[in-house]
Amino acid sequence: MIVAGFGFRAAATADSLRDALARAGKDADALATAADKADAPAFTDFARTLGLPVHAIAPDTLRAQHTLTASAASRAARDTGSVAEAAALAAAGPGAHLLAPRAISGDRMATCALAIGGTQ
């Protein structure tokens, strides 16, 4: 299973998220983001158009993930290097690994990282 994890600013749109996923370069089987962002209108609209399940990741679970990149903003706000990478890893399950570092949307409002489950 491939999970697309997302980090995004409050001003992000569904197009921001779509662009970040396209830049990540692969289709996903599920989506994930921080629990407090999972109900954001842009994210719910985006998820609905894809028809994929959404995983809302708790703060302590995000913090426990080892990310490839380190954003100062993510570190300050969430105590993780990348919300997108951490969310993807957490939702993909034990033994998961990232396919690549996060991709950033052209408008810089959203990031997306893809993780593959440890059983693949």
PDB file of N, CA and C in Angstrom:
ATOM      1  N   MET A   1       0.840  -1.184   0.000  1.00  0.00           N
ATOM      2  CA  MET A   1       0.000   0.000   0.000  1.00  0.00           C
ATOM      3  C   MET A   1       0.882   1.243   0.000  1.00  0.00           C
ATOM      4  N   ILE A   2       0.556   2.195  -0.866  1.00  0.00           N
ATOM      5  CA  ILE A   2       1.261   3.476  -0.910  1.00  0.00           C
ATOM      6  C   ILE A   2       0.366   4.538  -0.287  1.00  0.00           C
ATOM      7  N   VAL A   3       0.925   5.263   0.665  1.00  0.00           N
ATOM      8  CA  VAL A   3       0.193   6.338   1.350  1.00  0.00           C
ATOM      9  C   VAL A   3       0.824   7.671   0.969  1.00  0.00           C
ATOM     10  N   ALA A   4      -0.010   8.617   0.586  1.00  0.00           N
ATOM     11  CA  ALA A   4       0.428   9.989   0.323  1.00  0.00           C
ATOM     12  C   ALA A   4       0.167  10.811   1.576  1.00  0.00           C
ATOM     13  N   GLY A   5       1.231  11.277   2.193  1.00  0.00           N
ATOM     14  CA  GLY A   5       1.116  12.130   3.370  1.00  0.00           C
ATOM     15  C   GLY A   5       1.192  13.586   2.954  1.00  0.00           C
ATOM     16  N   PHE A   6       0.437  14.429   3.640  1.00  0.00           N
ATOM     17  CA  PHE A   6       0.378  15.851   3.288  1.00  0.00           C
ATOM     18  C   PHE A   6       0.611  16.746   4.489  1.00  0.00           C
ATOM     19  N   GLY A   7       1.347  17.794   4.240  1.00  0.00           N
ATOM     20  CA  GLY A   7       1.459  18.922   5.144  1.00  0.00           C
ATOM     21  C   GLY A   7       1.002  20.122   4.338  1.00  0.00           C
ATOM     22  N   PHE A   8       0.315  21.049   4.967  1.00  0.00           N
ATOM     23  CA  PHE A   8      -0.156  22.198   4.193  1.00  0.00           C
ATOM     24  C   PHE A   8      -0.490  23.374   5.099  1.00  0.00           C
ATOM     25  N   ARG A   9      -0.392  24.541   4.525  1.00  0.00           N
ATOM     26  CA  ARG A   9      -0.727  25.783   5.225  1.00  0.00           C
ATOM     27  C   ARG A   9      -2.236  25.996   5.205  1.00  0.00           C
ATOM     28  N   ALA A  10      -2.728  26.844   6.076  1.00  0.00           N
ATOM     29  CA  ALA A  10      -4.163  27.119   6.144  1.00  0.00           C
ATOM     30  C   ALA A  10      -4.696  27.673   4.830  1.00  0.00           C
ATOM     31  N   ALA A  11      -3.871  28.401   4.085  1.00  0.00           N
ATOM     32  CA  ALA A  11      -4.292  29.009   2.824  1.00  0.00           C
ATOM     33  C   ALA A  11      -4.207  28.054   1.634  1.00  0.00           C
ATOM     34  N   ALA A  12      -3.781  26.829   1.855  1.00  0.00           N
ATOM     35  CA  ALA A  12      -3.673  25.866   0.754  1.00  0.00           C
ATOM     36  C   ALA A  12      -5.055  25.567   0.178  1.00  0.00           C
ATOM     37  N   THR A  13      -5.075  25.277  -1.107  1.00  0.00           N
ATOM     38  CA  THR A  13      -6.304  24.903  -1.801  1.00  0.00           C
ATOM     39  C   THR A  13      -6.217  23.431  -2.229  1.00  0.00           C
ATOM     40  N   ALA A  14      -7.328  22.910  -2.700  1.00  0.00           N
ATOM     41  CA  ALA A  14      -7.314  21.553  -3.241  1.00  0.00           C
ATOM     42  C   ALA A  14      -6.333  21.464  -4.404  1.00  0.00           C
ATOM     43  N   ASP A  15      -6.206  22.536  -5.178  1.00  0.00           N
ATOM     44  CA  ASP A  15      -5.234  22.553  -6.278  1.00  0.00           C
ATOM     45  C   ASP A  15      -3.797  22.485  -5.759  1.00  0.00           C
ATOM     46  N   SER A  16      -3.518  23.123  -4.628  1.00  0.00           N
ATOM     47  CA  SER A  16      -2.190  23.038  -4.010  1.00  0.00           C
ATOM     48  C   SER A  16      -1.870  21.586  -3.674  1.00  0.00           C
ATOM     49  N   LEU A  17      -2.825  20.902  -3.077  1.00  0.00           N
ATOM     50  CA  LEU A  17      -2.648  19.504  -2.687  1.00  0.00           C
ATOM     51  C   LEU A  17      -2.496  18.609  -3.913  1.00  0.00           C
ATOM     52  N   ARG A  18      -3.308  18.848  -4.920  1.00  0.00           N
ATOM     53  CA  ARG A  18      -3.249  18.080  -6.165  1.00  0.00           C
ATOM     54  C   ARG A  18      -1.881  18.244  -6.821  1.00  0.00           C
ATOM     55  N   ASP A  19      -1.375  19.473  -6.835  1.00  0.00           N
ATOM     56  CA  ASP A  19      -0.072  19.753  -7.429  1.00  0.00           C
ATOM     57  C   ASP A  19       1.038  19.059  -6.643  1.00  0.00           C
ATOM     58  N   ALA A  20       0.972  19.094  -5.340  1.00  0.00           N
ATOM     59  CA  ALA A  20       1.993  18.423  -4.518  1.00  0.00           C
ATOM     60  C   ALA A  20       2.002  16.925  -4.797  1.00  0.00           C
ATOM     61  N   LEU A  21       0.823  16.318  -4.908  1.00  0.00           N
ATOM     62  CA  LEU A  21       0.741  14.890  -5.213  1.00  0.00           C
ATOM     63  C   LEU A  21       1.319  14.603  -6.596  1.00  0.00           C
ATOM     64  N   ALA A  22       0.990  15.425  -7.569  1.00  0.00           N
ATOM     65  CA  ALA A  22       1.520  15.230  -8.923  1.00  0.00           C
ATOM     66  C   ALA A  22       3.041  15.330  -8.923  1.00  0.00           C
ATOM     67  N   ARG A  23       3.581  16.266  -8.163  1.00  0.00           N
ATOM     68  CA  ARG A  23       5.038  16.426  -8.089  1.00  0.00           C
ATOM     69  C   ARG A  23       5.705  15.263  -7.360  1.00  0.00           C
ATOM     70  N   ALA A  24       4.950  14.604  -6.461  1.00  0.00           N
ATOM     71  CA  ALA A  24       5.489  13.421  -5.779  1.00  0.00           C
ATOM     72  C   ALA A  24       5.649  12.271  -6.770  1.00  0.00           C
ATOM     73  N   GLY A  25       4.836  12.274  -7.822  1.00  0.00           N
ATOM     74  CA  GLY A  25       5.068  11.399  -8.954  1.00  0.00           C
ATOM     75  C   GLY A  25       4.457  10.019  -8.967  1.00  0.00           C
ATOM     76  N   LYS A  26       3.517   9.725  -8.094  1.00  0.00           N
ATOM     77  CA  LYS A  26       2.952   8.375  -8.081  1.00  0.00           C
ATOM     78  C   LYS A  26       1.542   8.417  -7.497  1.00  0.00           C
ATOM     79  N   ASP A  27       0.705   7.501  -7.926  1.00  0.00           N
ATOM     80  CA  ASP A  27      -0.633   7.381  -7.351  1.00  0.00           C
ATOM     81  C   ASP A  27      -0.541   6.758  -5.958  1.00  0.00           C
ATOM     82  N   ALA A  28      -1.554   6.998  -5.164  1.00  0.00           N
ATOM     83  CA  ALA A  28      -1.576   6.488  -3.795  1.00  0.00           C
ATOM     84  C   ALA A  28      -2.844   5.670  -3.560  1.00  0.00           C
ATOM     85  N   ASP A  29      -2.779   4.843  -2.534  1.00  0.00           N
ATOM     86  CA  ASP A  29      -3.929   4.031  -2.135  1.00  0.00           C
ATOM     87  C   ASP A  29      -4.686   4.655  -0.972  1.00  0.00           C
ATOM     88  N   ALA A  30      -4.044   5.604  -0.277  1.00  0.00           N
ATOM     89  CA  ALA A  30      -4.642   6.275   0.876  1.00  0.00           C
ATOM     90  C   ALA A  30      -3.942   7.611   1.075  1.00  0.00           C
ATOM     91  N   LEU A  31      -4.600   8.486   1.834  1.00  0.00           N
ATOM     92  CA  LEU A  31      -4.060   9.812   2.154  1.00  0.00           C
ATOM     93  C   LEU A  31      -3.893   9.929   3.660  1.00  0.00           C
ATOM     94  N   ALA A  32      -2.971  10.787   4.086  1.00  0.00           N
ATOM     95  CA  ALA A  32      -2.761  11.013   5.518  1.00  0.00           C
ATOM     96  C   ALA A  32      -2.313  12.445   5.755  1.00  0.00           C
ATOM     97  N   THR A  33      -2.666  12.956   6.911  1.00  0.00           N
ATOM     98  CA  THR A  33      -2.212  14.275   7.352  1.00  0.00           C
ATOM     99  C   THR A  33      -2.359  14.350   8.869  1.00  0.00           C
ATOM    100  N   ALA A  34      -1.922  15.452   9.436  1.00  0.00           N
ATOM    101  CA  ALA A  34      -2.066  15.677  10.881  1.00  0.00           C
ATOM    102  C   ALA A  34      -3.546  15.665  11.251  1.00  0.00           C
ATOM    103  N   ALA A  35      -3.852  15.107  12.402  1.00  0.00           N
ATOM    104  CA  ALA A  35      -5.241  14.954  12.830  1.00  0.00           C
ATOM    105  C   ALA A  35      -6.020  16.267  12.808  1.00  0.00           C
ATOM    106  N   ASP A  36      -5.388  17.359  13.223  1.00  0.00           N
ATOM    107  CA  ASP A  36      -6.104  18.635  13.264  1.00  0.00           C
ATOM    108  C   ASP A  36      -6.267  19.278  11.890  1.00  0.00           C
ATOM    109  N   LYS A  37      -5.665  18.696  10.846  1.00  0.00           N
ATOM    110  CA  LYS A  37      -5.797  19.217   9.485  1.00  0.00           C
ATOM    111  C   LYS A  37      -6.736  18.364   8.632  1.00  0.00           C
ATOM    112  N   ALA A  38      -7.085  17.185   9.101  1.00  0.00           N
ATOM    113  CA  ALA A  38      -7.843  16.229   8.289  1.00  0.00           C
ATOM    114  C   ALA A  38      -9.225  16.732   7.891  1.00  0.00           C
ATOM    115  N   ASP A  39      -9.790  17.650   8.665  1.00  0.00           N
ATOM    116  CA  ASP A  39     -11.113  18.189   8.347  1.00  0.00           C
ATOM    117  C   ASP A  39     -11.058  19.540   7.652  1.00  0.00           C
ATOM    118  N   ALA A  40      -9.880  19.986   7.248  1.00  0.00           N
ATOM    119  CA  ALA A  40      -9.761  21.262   6.534  1.00  0.00           C
ATOM    120  C   ALA A  40     -10.513  21.152   5.208  1.00  0.00           C
ATOM    121  N   PRO A  41     -11.300  22.158   4.856  1.00  0.00           N
ATOM    122  CA  PRO A  41     -12.101  22.077   3.627  1.00  0.00           C
ATOM    123  C   PRO A  41     -11.300  21.724   2.376  1.00  0.00           C
ATOM    124  N   ALA A  42     -10.144  22.311   2.187  1.00  0.00           N
ATOM    125  CA  ALA A  42      -9.347  22.008   0.988  1.00  0.00           C
ATOM    126  C   ALA A  42      -8.951  20.537   0.969  1.00  0.00           C
ATOM    127  N   PHE A  43      -8.569  20.004   2.135  1.00  0.00           N
ATOM    128  CA  PHE A  43      -8.146  18.602   2.203  1.00  0.00           C
ATOM    129  C   PHE A  43      -9.327  17.660   1.992  1.00  0.00           C
ATOM    130  N   THR A  44     -10.457  17.949   2.615  1.00  0.00           N
ATOM    131  CA  THR A  44     -11.619  17.065   2.452  1.00  0.00           C
ATOM    132  C   THR A  44     -12.133  17.103   1.015  1.00  0.00           C
ATOM    133  N   ASP A  45     -12.125  18.275   0.379  1.00  0.00           N
ATOM    134  CA  ASP A  45     -12.532  18.370  -1.028  1.00  0.00           C
ATOM    135  C   ASP A  45     -11.593  17.556  -1.909  1.00  0.00           C
ATOM    136  N   PHE A  46     -10.298  17.700  -1.676  1.00  0.00           N
ATOM    137  CA  PHE A  46      -9.287  16.965  -2.434  1.00  0.00           C
ATOM    138  C   PHE A  46      -9.475  15.459  -2.250  1.00  0.00           C
ATOM    139  N   ALA A  47      -9.597  15.017  -1.021  1.00  0.00           N
ATOM    140  CA  ALA A  47      -9.759  13.588  -0.733  1.00  0.00           C
ATOM    141  C   ALA A  47     -11.034  13.037  -1.370  1.00  0.00           C
ATOM    142  N   ARG A  48     -12.090  13.800  -1.328  1.00  0.00           N
ATOM    143  CA  ARG A  48     -13.366  13.362  -1.911  1.00  0.00           C
ATOM    144  C   ARG A  48     -13.223  13.151  -3.420  1.00  0.00           C
ATOM    145  N   THR A  49     -12.497  14.029  -4.107  1.00  0.00           N
ATOM    146  CA  THR A  49     -12.341  13.874  -5.559  1.00  0.00           C
ATOM    147  C   THR A  49     -11.544  12.617  -5.900  1.00  0.00           C
ATOM    148  N   LEU A  50     -10.634  12.214  -5.019  1.00  0.00           N
ATOM    149  CA  LEU A  50      -9.844  11.006  -5.266  1.00  0.00           C
ATOM    150  C   LEU A  50     -10.551   9.736  -4.793  1.00  0.00           C
ATOM    151  N   GLY A  51     -11.469   9.880  -3.854  1.00  0.00           N
ATOM    152  CA  GLY A  51     -12.182   8.734  -3.321  1.00  0.00           C
ATOM    153  C   GLY A  51     -11.302   7.781  -2.529  1.00  0.00           C
ATOM    154  N   LEU A  52     -10.295   8.320  -1.870  1.00  0.00           N
ATOM    155  CA  LEU A  52      -9.365   7.490  -1.100  1.00  0.00           C
ATOM    156  C   LEU A  52      -9.602   7.634   0.401  1.00  0.00           C
ATOM    157  N   PRO A  53      -9.277   6.594   1.168  1.00  0.00           N
ATOM    158  CA  PRO A  53      -9.401   6.716   2.622  1.00  0.00           C
ATOM    159  C   PRO A  53      -8.395   7.721   3.174  1.00  0.00           C
ATOM    160  N   VAL A  54      -8.782   8.356   4.261  1.00  0.00           N
ATOM    161  CA  VAL A  54      -7.940   9.366   4.911  1.00  0.00           C
ATOM    162  C   VAL A  54      -7.555   8.887   6.302  1.00  0.00           C
ATOM    163  N   HIS A  55      -6.272   9.014   6.620  1.00  0.00           N
ATOM    164  CA  HIS A  55      -5.765   8.696   7.952  1.00  0.00           C
ATOM    165  C   HIS A  55      -5.402  10.009   8.641  1.00  0.00           C
ATOM    166  N   ALA A  56      -6.007  10.269   9.792  1.00  0.00           N
ATOM    167  CA  ALA A  56      -5.706  11.452  10.603  1.00  0.00           C
ATOM    168  C   ALA A  56      -4.699  11.021  11.662  1.00  0.00           C
ATOM    169  N   ILE A  57      -3.505  11.596  11.611  1.00  0.00           N
ATOM    170  CA  ILE A  57      -2.402  11.135  12.453  1.00  0.00           C
ATOM    171  C   ILE A  57      -2.243  12.032  13.687  1.00  0.00           C
ATOM    172  N   ALA A  58      -2.229  11.399  14.839  1.00  0.00           N
ATOM    173  CA  ALA A  58      -2.098  12.108  16.118  1.00  0.00           C
ATOM    174  C   ALA A  58      -0.718  12.757  16.241  1.00  0.00           C
ATOM    175  N   PRO A  59      -0.636  13.861  16.999  1.00  0.00           N
ATOM    176  CA  PRO A  59       0.634  14.579  17.146  1.00  0.00           C
ATOM    177  C   PRO A  59       1.793  13.722  17.643  1.00  0.00           C
ATOM    178  N   ASP A  60       1.554  12.875  18.651  1.00  0.00           N
ATOM    179  CA  ASP A  60       2.647  12.060  19.177  1.00  0.00           C
ATOM    180  C   ASP A  60       3.136  11.039  18.153  1.00  0.00           C
ATOM    181  N   THR A  61       2.250  10.563  17.309  1.00  0.00           N
ATOM    182  CA  THR A  61       2.635   9.620  16.259  1.00  0.00           C
ATOM    183  C   THR A  61       3.452  10.324  15.186  1.00  0.00           C
ATOM    184  N   LEU A  62       3.081  11.556  14.853  1.00  0.00           N
ATOM    185  CA  LEU A  62       3.883  12.335  13.891  1.00  0.00           C
ATOM    186  C   LEU A  62       5.299  12.534  14.423  1.00  0.00           C
ATOM    187  N   ARG A  63       5.396  12.926  15.681  1.00  0.00           N
ATOM    188  CA  ARG A  63       6.709  13.198  16.289  1.00  0.00           C
ATOM    189  C   ARG A  63       7.603  11.966  16.319  1.00  0.00           C
ATOM    190  N   ALA A  64       7.022  10.791  16.374  1.00  0.00           N
ATOM    191  CA  ALA A  64       7.801   9.554  16.504  1.00  0.00           C
ATOM    192  C   ALA A  64       8.444   9.083  15.195  1.00  0.00           C
ATOM    193  N   GLN A  65       8.068   9.695  14.071  1.00  0.00           N
ATOM    194  CA  GLN A  65       8.575   9.247  12.771  1.00  0.00           C
ATOM    195  C   GLN A  65       9.921   9.890  12.431  1.00  0.00           C
ATOM    196  N   HIS A  66      10.768   9.124  11.769  1.00  0.00           N
ATOM    197  CA  HIS A  66      12.056   9.639  11.289  1.00  0.00           C
ATOM    198  C   HIS A  66      11.862  10.126   9.854  1.00  0.00           C
ATOM    199  N   THR A  67      12.049  11.419   9.620  1.00  0.00           N
ATOM    200  CA  THR A  67      11.827  11.993   8.291  1.00  0.00           C
ATOM    201  C   THR A  67      13.150  12.228   7.565  1.00  0.00           C
ATOM    202  N   LEU A  68      13.073  12.276   6.232  1.00  0.00           N
ATOM    203  CA  LEU A  68      14.266  12.524   5.422  1.00  0.00           C
ATOM    204  C   LEU A  68      14.634  13.998   5.373  1.00  0.00           C
ATOM    205  N   THR A  69      13.624  14.860   5.466  1.00  0.00           N
ATOM    206  CA  THR A  69      13.876  16.294   5.386  1.00  0.00           C
ATOM    207  C   THR A  69      13.542  16.959   6.718  1.00  0.00           C
ATOM    208  N   ALA A  70      14.004  18.189   6.865  1.00  0.00           N
ATOM    209  CA  ALA A  70      13.767  18.925   8.109  1.00  0.00           C
ATOM    210  C   ALA A  70      13.422  20.374   7.796  1.00  0.00           C
ATOM    211  N   SER A  71      12.148  20.678   7.906  1.00  0.00           N
ATOM    212  CA  SER A  71      11.660  22.037   7.724  1.00  0.00           C
ATOM    213  C   SER A  71      11.651  22.744   9.072  1.00  0.00           C
ATOM    214  N   ALA A  72      12.206  23.925   9.119  1.00  0.00           N
ATOM    215  CA  ALA A  72      12.198  24.693  10.370  1.00  0.00           C
ATOM    216  C   ALA A  72      10.759  24.972  10.816  1.00  0.00           C
ATOM    217  N   ALA A  73       9.878  25.253   9.863  1.00  0.00           N
ATOM    218  CA  ALA A  73       8.478  25.530  10.203  1.00  0.00           C
ATOM    219  C   ALA A  73       7.803  24.284  10.786  1.00  0.00           C
ATOM    220  N   SER A  74       8.039  23.125  10.179  1.00  0.00           N
ATOM    221  CA  SER A  74       7.454  21.882  10.703  1.00  0.00           C
ATOM    222  C   SER A  74       8.015  21.544  12.072  1.00  0.00           C
ATOM    223  N   ARG A  75       9.300  21.752  12.219  1.00  0.00           N
ATOM    224  CA  ARG A  75       9.941  21.453  13.505  1.00  0.00           C
ATOM    225  C   ARG A  75       9.352  22.344  14.596  1.00  0.00           C
ATOM    226  N   ALA A  76       9.189  23.632  14.305  1.00  0.00           N
ATOM    227  CA  ALA A  76       8.664  24.563  15.302  1.00  0.00           C
ATOM    228  C   ALA A  76       7.198  24.292  15.623  1.00  0.00           C
ATOM    229  N   ALA A  77       6.395  24.022  14.614  1.00  0.00           N
ATOM    230  CA  ALA A  77       4.958  23.857  14.815  1.00  0.00           C
ATOM    231  C   ALA A  77       4.566  22.462  15.277  1.00  0.00           C
ATOM    232  N   ARG A  78       5.302  21.430  14.819  1.00  0.00           N
ATOM    233  CA  ARG A  78       4.867  20.046  15.039  1.00  0.00           C
ATOM    234  C   ARG A  78       5.918  19.133  15.649  1.00  0.00           C
ATOM    235  N   ASP A  79       7.114  19.653  15.853  1.00  0.00           N
ATOM    236  CA  ASP A  79       8.222  18.866  16.397  1.00  0.00           C
ATOM    237  C   ASP A  79       8.526  17.642  15.532  1.00  0.00           C
ATOM    238  N   THR A  80       8.448  17.836  14.218  1.00  0.00           N
ATOM    239  CA  THR A  80       8.847  16.820  13.248  1.00  0.00           C
ATOM    240  C   THR A  80       9.493  17.537  12.072  1.00  0.00           C
ATOM    241  N   GLY A  81      10.345  16.841  11.369  1.00  0.00           N
ATOM    242  CA  GLY A  81      11.031  17.454  10.234  1.00  0.00           C
ATOM    243  C   GLY A  81      10.117  17.746   9.064  1.00  0.00           C
ATOM    244  N   SER A  82       9.112  16.915   8.867  1.00  0.00           N
ATOM    245  CA  SER A  82       8.176  17.074   7.756  1.00  0.00           C
ATOM    246  C   SER A  82       6.855  16.414   8.121  1.00  0.00           C
ATOM    247  N   VAL A  83       5.800  17.189   8.133  1.00  0.00           N
ATOM    248  CA  VAL A  83       4.478  16.638   8.424  1.00  0.00           C
ATOM    249  C   VAL A  83       4.082  15.643   7.341  1.00  0.00           C
ATOM    250  N   ALA A  84       4.341  15.972   6.082  1.00  0.00           N
ATOM    251  CA  ALA A  84       3.976  15.078   4.978  1.00  0.00           C
ATOM    252  C   ALA A  84       4.674  13.731   5.114  1.00  0.00           C
ATOM    253  N   GLU A  85       5.979  13.757   5.347  1.00  0.00           N
ATOM    254  CA  GLU A  85       6.737  12.512   5.469  1.00  0.00           C
ATOM    255  C   GLU A  85       6.300  11.717   6.695  1.00  0.00           C
ATOM    256  N   ALA A  86       6.144  12.390   7.813  1.00  0.00           N
ATOM    257  CA  ALA A  86       5.748  11.708   9.052  1.00  0.00           C
ATOM    258  C   ALA A  86       4.353  11.098   8.924  1.00  0.00           C
ATOM    259  N   ALA A  87       3.422  11.830   8.327  1.00  0.00           N
ATOM    260  CA  ALA A  87       2.057  11.317   8.166  1.00  0.00           C
ATOM    261  C   ALA A  87       2.044  10.093   7.247  1.00  0.00           C
ATOM    262  N   ALA A  88       2.782  10.156   6.156  1.00  0.00           N
ATOM    263  CA  ALA A  88       2.836   9.024   5.229  1.00  0.00           C
ATOM    264  C   ALA A  88       3.406   7.790   5.911  1.00  0.00           C
ATOM    265  N   LEU A  89       4.497   7.959   6.616  1.00  0.00           N
ATOM    266  CA  LEU A  89       5.138   6.832   7.304  1.00  0.00           C
ATOM    267  C   LEU A  89       4.219   6.222   8.363  1.00  0.00           C
ATOM    268  N   ALA A  90       3.600   7.079   9.153  1.00  0.00           N
ATOM    269  CA  ALA A  90       2.728   6.586  10.221  1.00  0.00           C
ATOM    270  C   ALA A  90       1.544   5.804   9.652  1.00  0.00           C
ATOM    271  N   ALA A  91       0.930   6.328   8.605  1.00  0.00           N
ATOM    272  CA  ALA A  91      -0.241   5.664   8.037  1.00  0.00           C
ATOM    273  C   ALA A  91       0.121   4.377   7.294  1.00  0.00           C
ATOM    274  N   ALA A  92       1.323   4.313   6.739  1.00  0.00           N
ATOM    275  CA  ALA A  92       1.738   3.112   5.992  1.00  0.00           C
ATOM    276  C   ALA A  92       2.076   1.953   6.923  1.00  0.00           C
ATOM    277  N   GLY A  93       2.321   2.243   8.195  1.00  0.00           N
ATOM    278  CA  GLY A  93       2.493   1.186   9.179  1.00  0.00           C
ATOM    279  C   GLY A  93       3.931   0.810   9.477  1.00  0.00           C
ATOM    280  N   PRO A  94       4.102  -0.117  10.408  1.00  0.00           N
ATOM    281  CA  PRO A  94       5.444  -0.543  10.827  1.00  0.00           C
ATOM    282  C   PRO A  94       6.282  -1.035   9.643  1.00  0.00           C
ATOM    283  N   GLY A  95       7.526  -0.624   9.642  1.00  0.00           N
ATOM    284  CA  GLY A  95       8.435  -1.031   8.578  1.00  0.00           C
ATOM    285  C   GLY A  95       8.292  -0.235   7.295  1.00  0.00           C
ATOM    286  N   ALA A  96       7.418   0.752   7.279  1.00  0.00           N
ATOM    287  CA  ALA A  96       7.228   1.572   6.077  1.00  0.00           C
ATOM    288  C   ALA A  96       8.473   2.378   5.773  1.00  0.00           C
ATOM    289  N   HIS A  97       8.626   2.752   4.509  1.00  0.00           N
ATOM    290  CA  HIS A  97       9.721   3.638   4.139  1.00  0.00           C
ATOM    291  C   HIS A  97       9.244   4.616   3.069  1.00  0.00           C
ATOM    292  N   LEU A  98       9.899   5.763   3.036  1.00  0.00           N
ATOM    293  CA  LEU A  98       9.563   6.796   2.065  1.00  0.00           C
ATOM    294  C   LEU A  98      10.125   6.427   0.705  1.00  0.00           C
ATOM    295  N   LEU A  99       9.364   6.717  -0.339  1.00  0.00           N
ATOM    296  CA  LEU A  99       9.837   6.497  -1.703  1.00  0.00           C
ATOM    297  C   LEU A  99      10.793   7.598  -2.135  1.00  0.00           C
ATOM    298  N   ALA A 100      10.651   8.774  -1.543  1.00  0.00           N
ATOM    299  CA  ALA A 100      11.497   9.931  -1.844  1.00  0.00           C
ATOM    300  C   ALA A 100      11.189  11.003  -0.796  1.00  0.00           C
ATOM    301  N   PRO A 101      12.042  12.023  -0.694  1.00  0.00           N
ATOM    302  CA  PRO A 101      11.703  13.153   0.183  1.00  0.00           C
ATOM    303  C   PRO A 101      10.429  13.841  -0.307  1.00  0.00           C
ATOM    304  N   ARG A 102       9.838  14.641   0.543  1.00  0.00           N
ATOM    305  CA  ARG A 102       8.593  15.354   0.219  1.00  0.00           C
ATOM    306  C   ARG A 102       8.742  16.191  -1.046  1.00  0.00           C
ATOM    307  N   ALA A 103       7.631  16.353  -1.731  1.00  0.00           N
ATOM    308  CA  ALA A 103       7.538  17.248  -2.889  1.00  0.00           C
ATOM    309  C   ALA A 103       6.761  18.480  -2.434  1.00  0.00           C
ATOM    310  N   ILE A 104       7.118  19.624  -2.978  1.00  0.00           N
ATOM    311  CA  ILE A 104       6.488  20.890  -2.592  1.00  0.00           C
ATOM    312  C   ILE A 104       5.679  21.424  -3.762  1.00  0.00           C
ATOM    313  N   SER A 105       4.439  21.832  -3.498  1.00  0.00           N
ATOM    314  CA  SER A 105       3.590  22.388  -4.549  1.00  0.00           C
ATOM    315  C   SER A 105       4.205  23.665  -5.106  1.00  0.00           C
ATOM    316  N   GLY A 106       3.844  23.993  -6.329  1.00  0.00           N
ATOM    317  CA  GLY A 106       4.370  25.186  -6.986  1.00  0.00           C
ATOM    318  C   GLY A 106       4.072  26.468  -6.236  1.00  0.00           C
ATOM    319  N   ASP A 107       2.936  26.514  -5.554  1.00  0.00           N
ATOM    320  CA  ASP A 107       2.594  27.714  -4.782  1.00  0.00           C
ATOM    321  C   ASP A 107       3.182  27.687  -3.370  1.00  0.00           C
ATOM    322  N   ARG A 108       3.904  26.600  -3.034  1.00  0.00           N
ATOM    323  CA  ARG A 108       4.574  26.418  -1.749  1.00  0.00           C
ATOM    324  C   ARG A 108       3.596  26.366  -0.564  1.00  0.00           C
ATOM    325  N   MET A 109       2.365  25.995  -0.835  1.00  0.00           N
ATOM    326  CA  MET A 109       1.346  25.910   0.207  1.00  0.00           C
ATOM    327  C   MET A 109       1.145  24.487   0.733  1.00  0.00           C
ATOM    328  N   ALA A 110       1.669  23.484   0.004  1.00  0.00           N
ATOM    329  CA  ALA A 110       1.444  22.096   0.403  1.00  0.00           C
ATOM    330  C   ALA A 110       2.669  21.246   0.089  1.00  0.00           C
ATOM    331  N   THR A 111       2.839  20.190   0.882  1.00  0.00           N
ATOM    332  CA  THR A 111       3.882  19.209   0.618  1.00  0.00           C
ATOM    333  C   THR A 111       3.233  17.828   0.598  1.00  0.00           C
ATOM    334  N   CYS A 112       3.857  16.916  -0.146  1.00  0.00           N
ATOM    335  CA  CYS A 112       3.376  15.555  -0.234  1.00  0.00           C
ATOM    336  C   CYS A 112       4.563  14.614  -0.225  1.00  0.00           C
ATOM    337  N   ALA A 113       4.449  13.552   0.538  1.00  0.00           N
ATOM    338  CA  ALA A 113       5.457  12.496   0.553  1.00  0.00           C
ATOM    339  C   ALA A 113       4.751  11.150   0.431  1.00  0.00           C
ATOM    340  N   LEU A 114       5.385  10.237  -0.253  1.00  0.00           N
ATOM    341  CA  LEU A 114       4.826   8.906  -0.458  1.00  0.00           C
ATOM    342  C   LEU A 114       5.607   7.885   0.346  1.00  0.00           C
ATOM    343  N   ALA A 115       4.874   7.033   1.055  1.00  0.00           N
ATOM    344  CA  ALA A 115       5.493   5.949   1.811  1.00  0.00           C
ATOM    345  C   ALA A 115       4.833   4.647   1.394  1.00  0.00           C
ATOM    346  N   ILE A 116       5.634   3.609   1.381  1.00  0.00           N
ATOM    347  CA  ILE A 116       5.119   2.285   1.063  1.00  0.00           C
ATOM    348  C   ILE A 116       5.151   1.452   2.336  1.00  0.00           C
ATOM    349  N   GLY A 117       4.070   0.697   2.526  1.00  0.00           N
ATOM    350  CA  GLY A 117       3.952  -0.121   3.721  1.00  0.00           C
ATOM    351  C   GLY A 117       5.061  -1.147   3.837  1.00  0.00           C
ATOM    352  N   GLY A 118       5.400  -1.496   5.055  1.00  0.00           N
ATOM    353  CA  GLY A 118       6.487  -2.420   5.319  1.00  0.00           C
ATOM    354  C   GLY A 118       6.264  -3.826   4.812  1.00  0.00           C
ATOM    355  N   THR A 119       5.018  -4.182   4.480  1.00  0.00           N
ATOM    356  CA  THR A 119       4.747  -5.532   4.013  1.00  0.00           C
ATOM    357  C   THR A 119       4.853  -5.650   2.508  1.00  0.00           C
ATOM    358  N   GLN A 120       5.155  -4.578   1.809  1.00  0.00           N
ATOM    359  CA  GLN A 120       5.250  -4.609   0.353  1.00  0.00           C
ATOM    360  C   GLN A 120       6.591  -5.106  -0.112  1.00  0.00           C
TER     361      GLN A 120
END
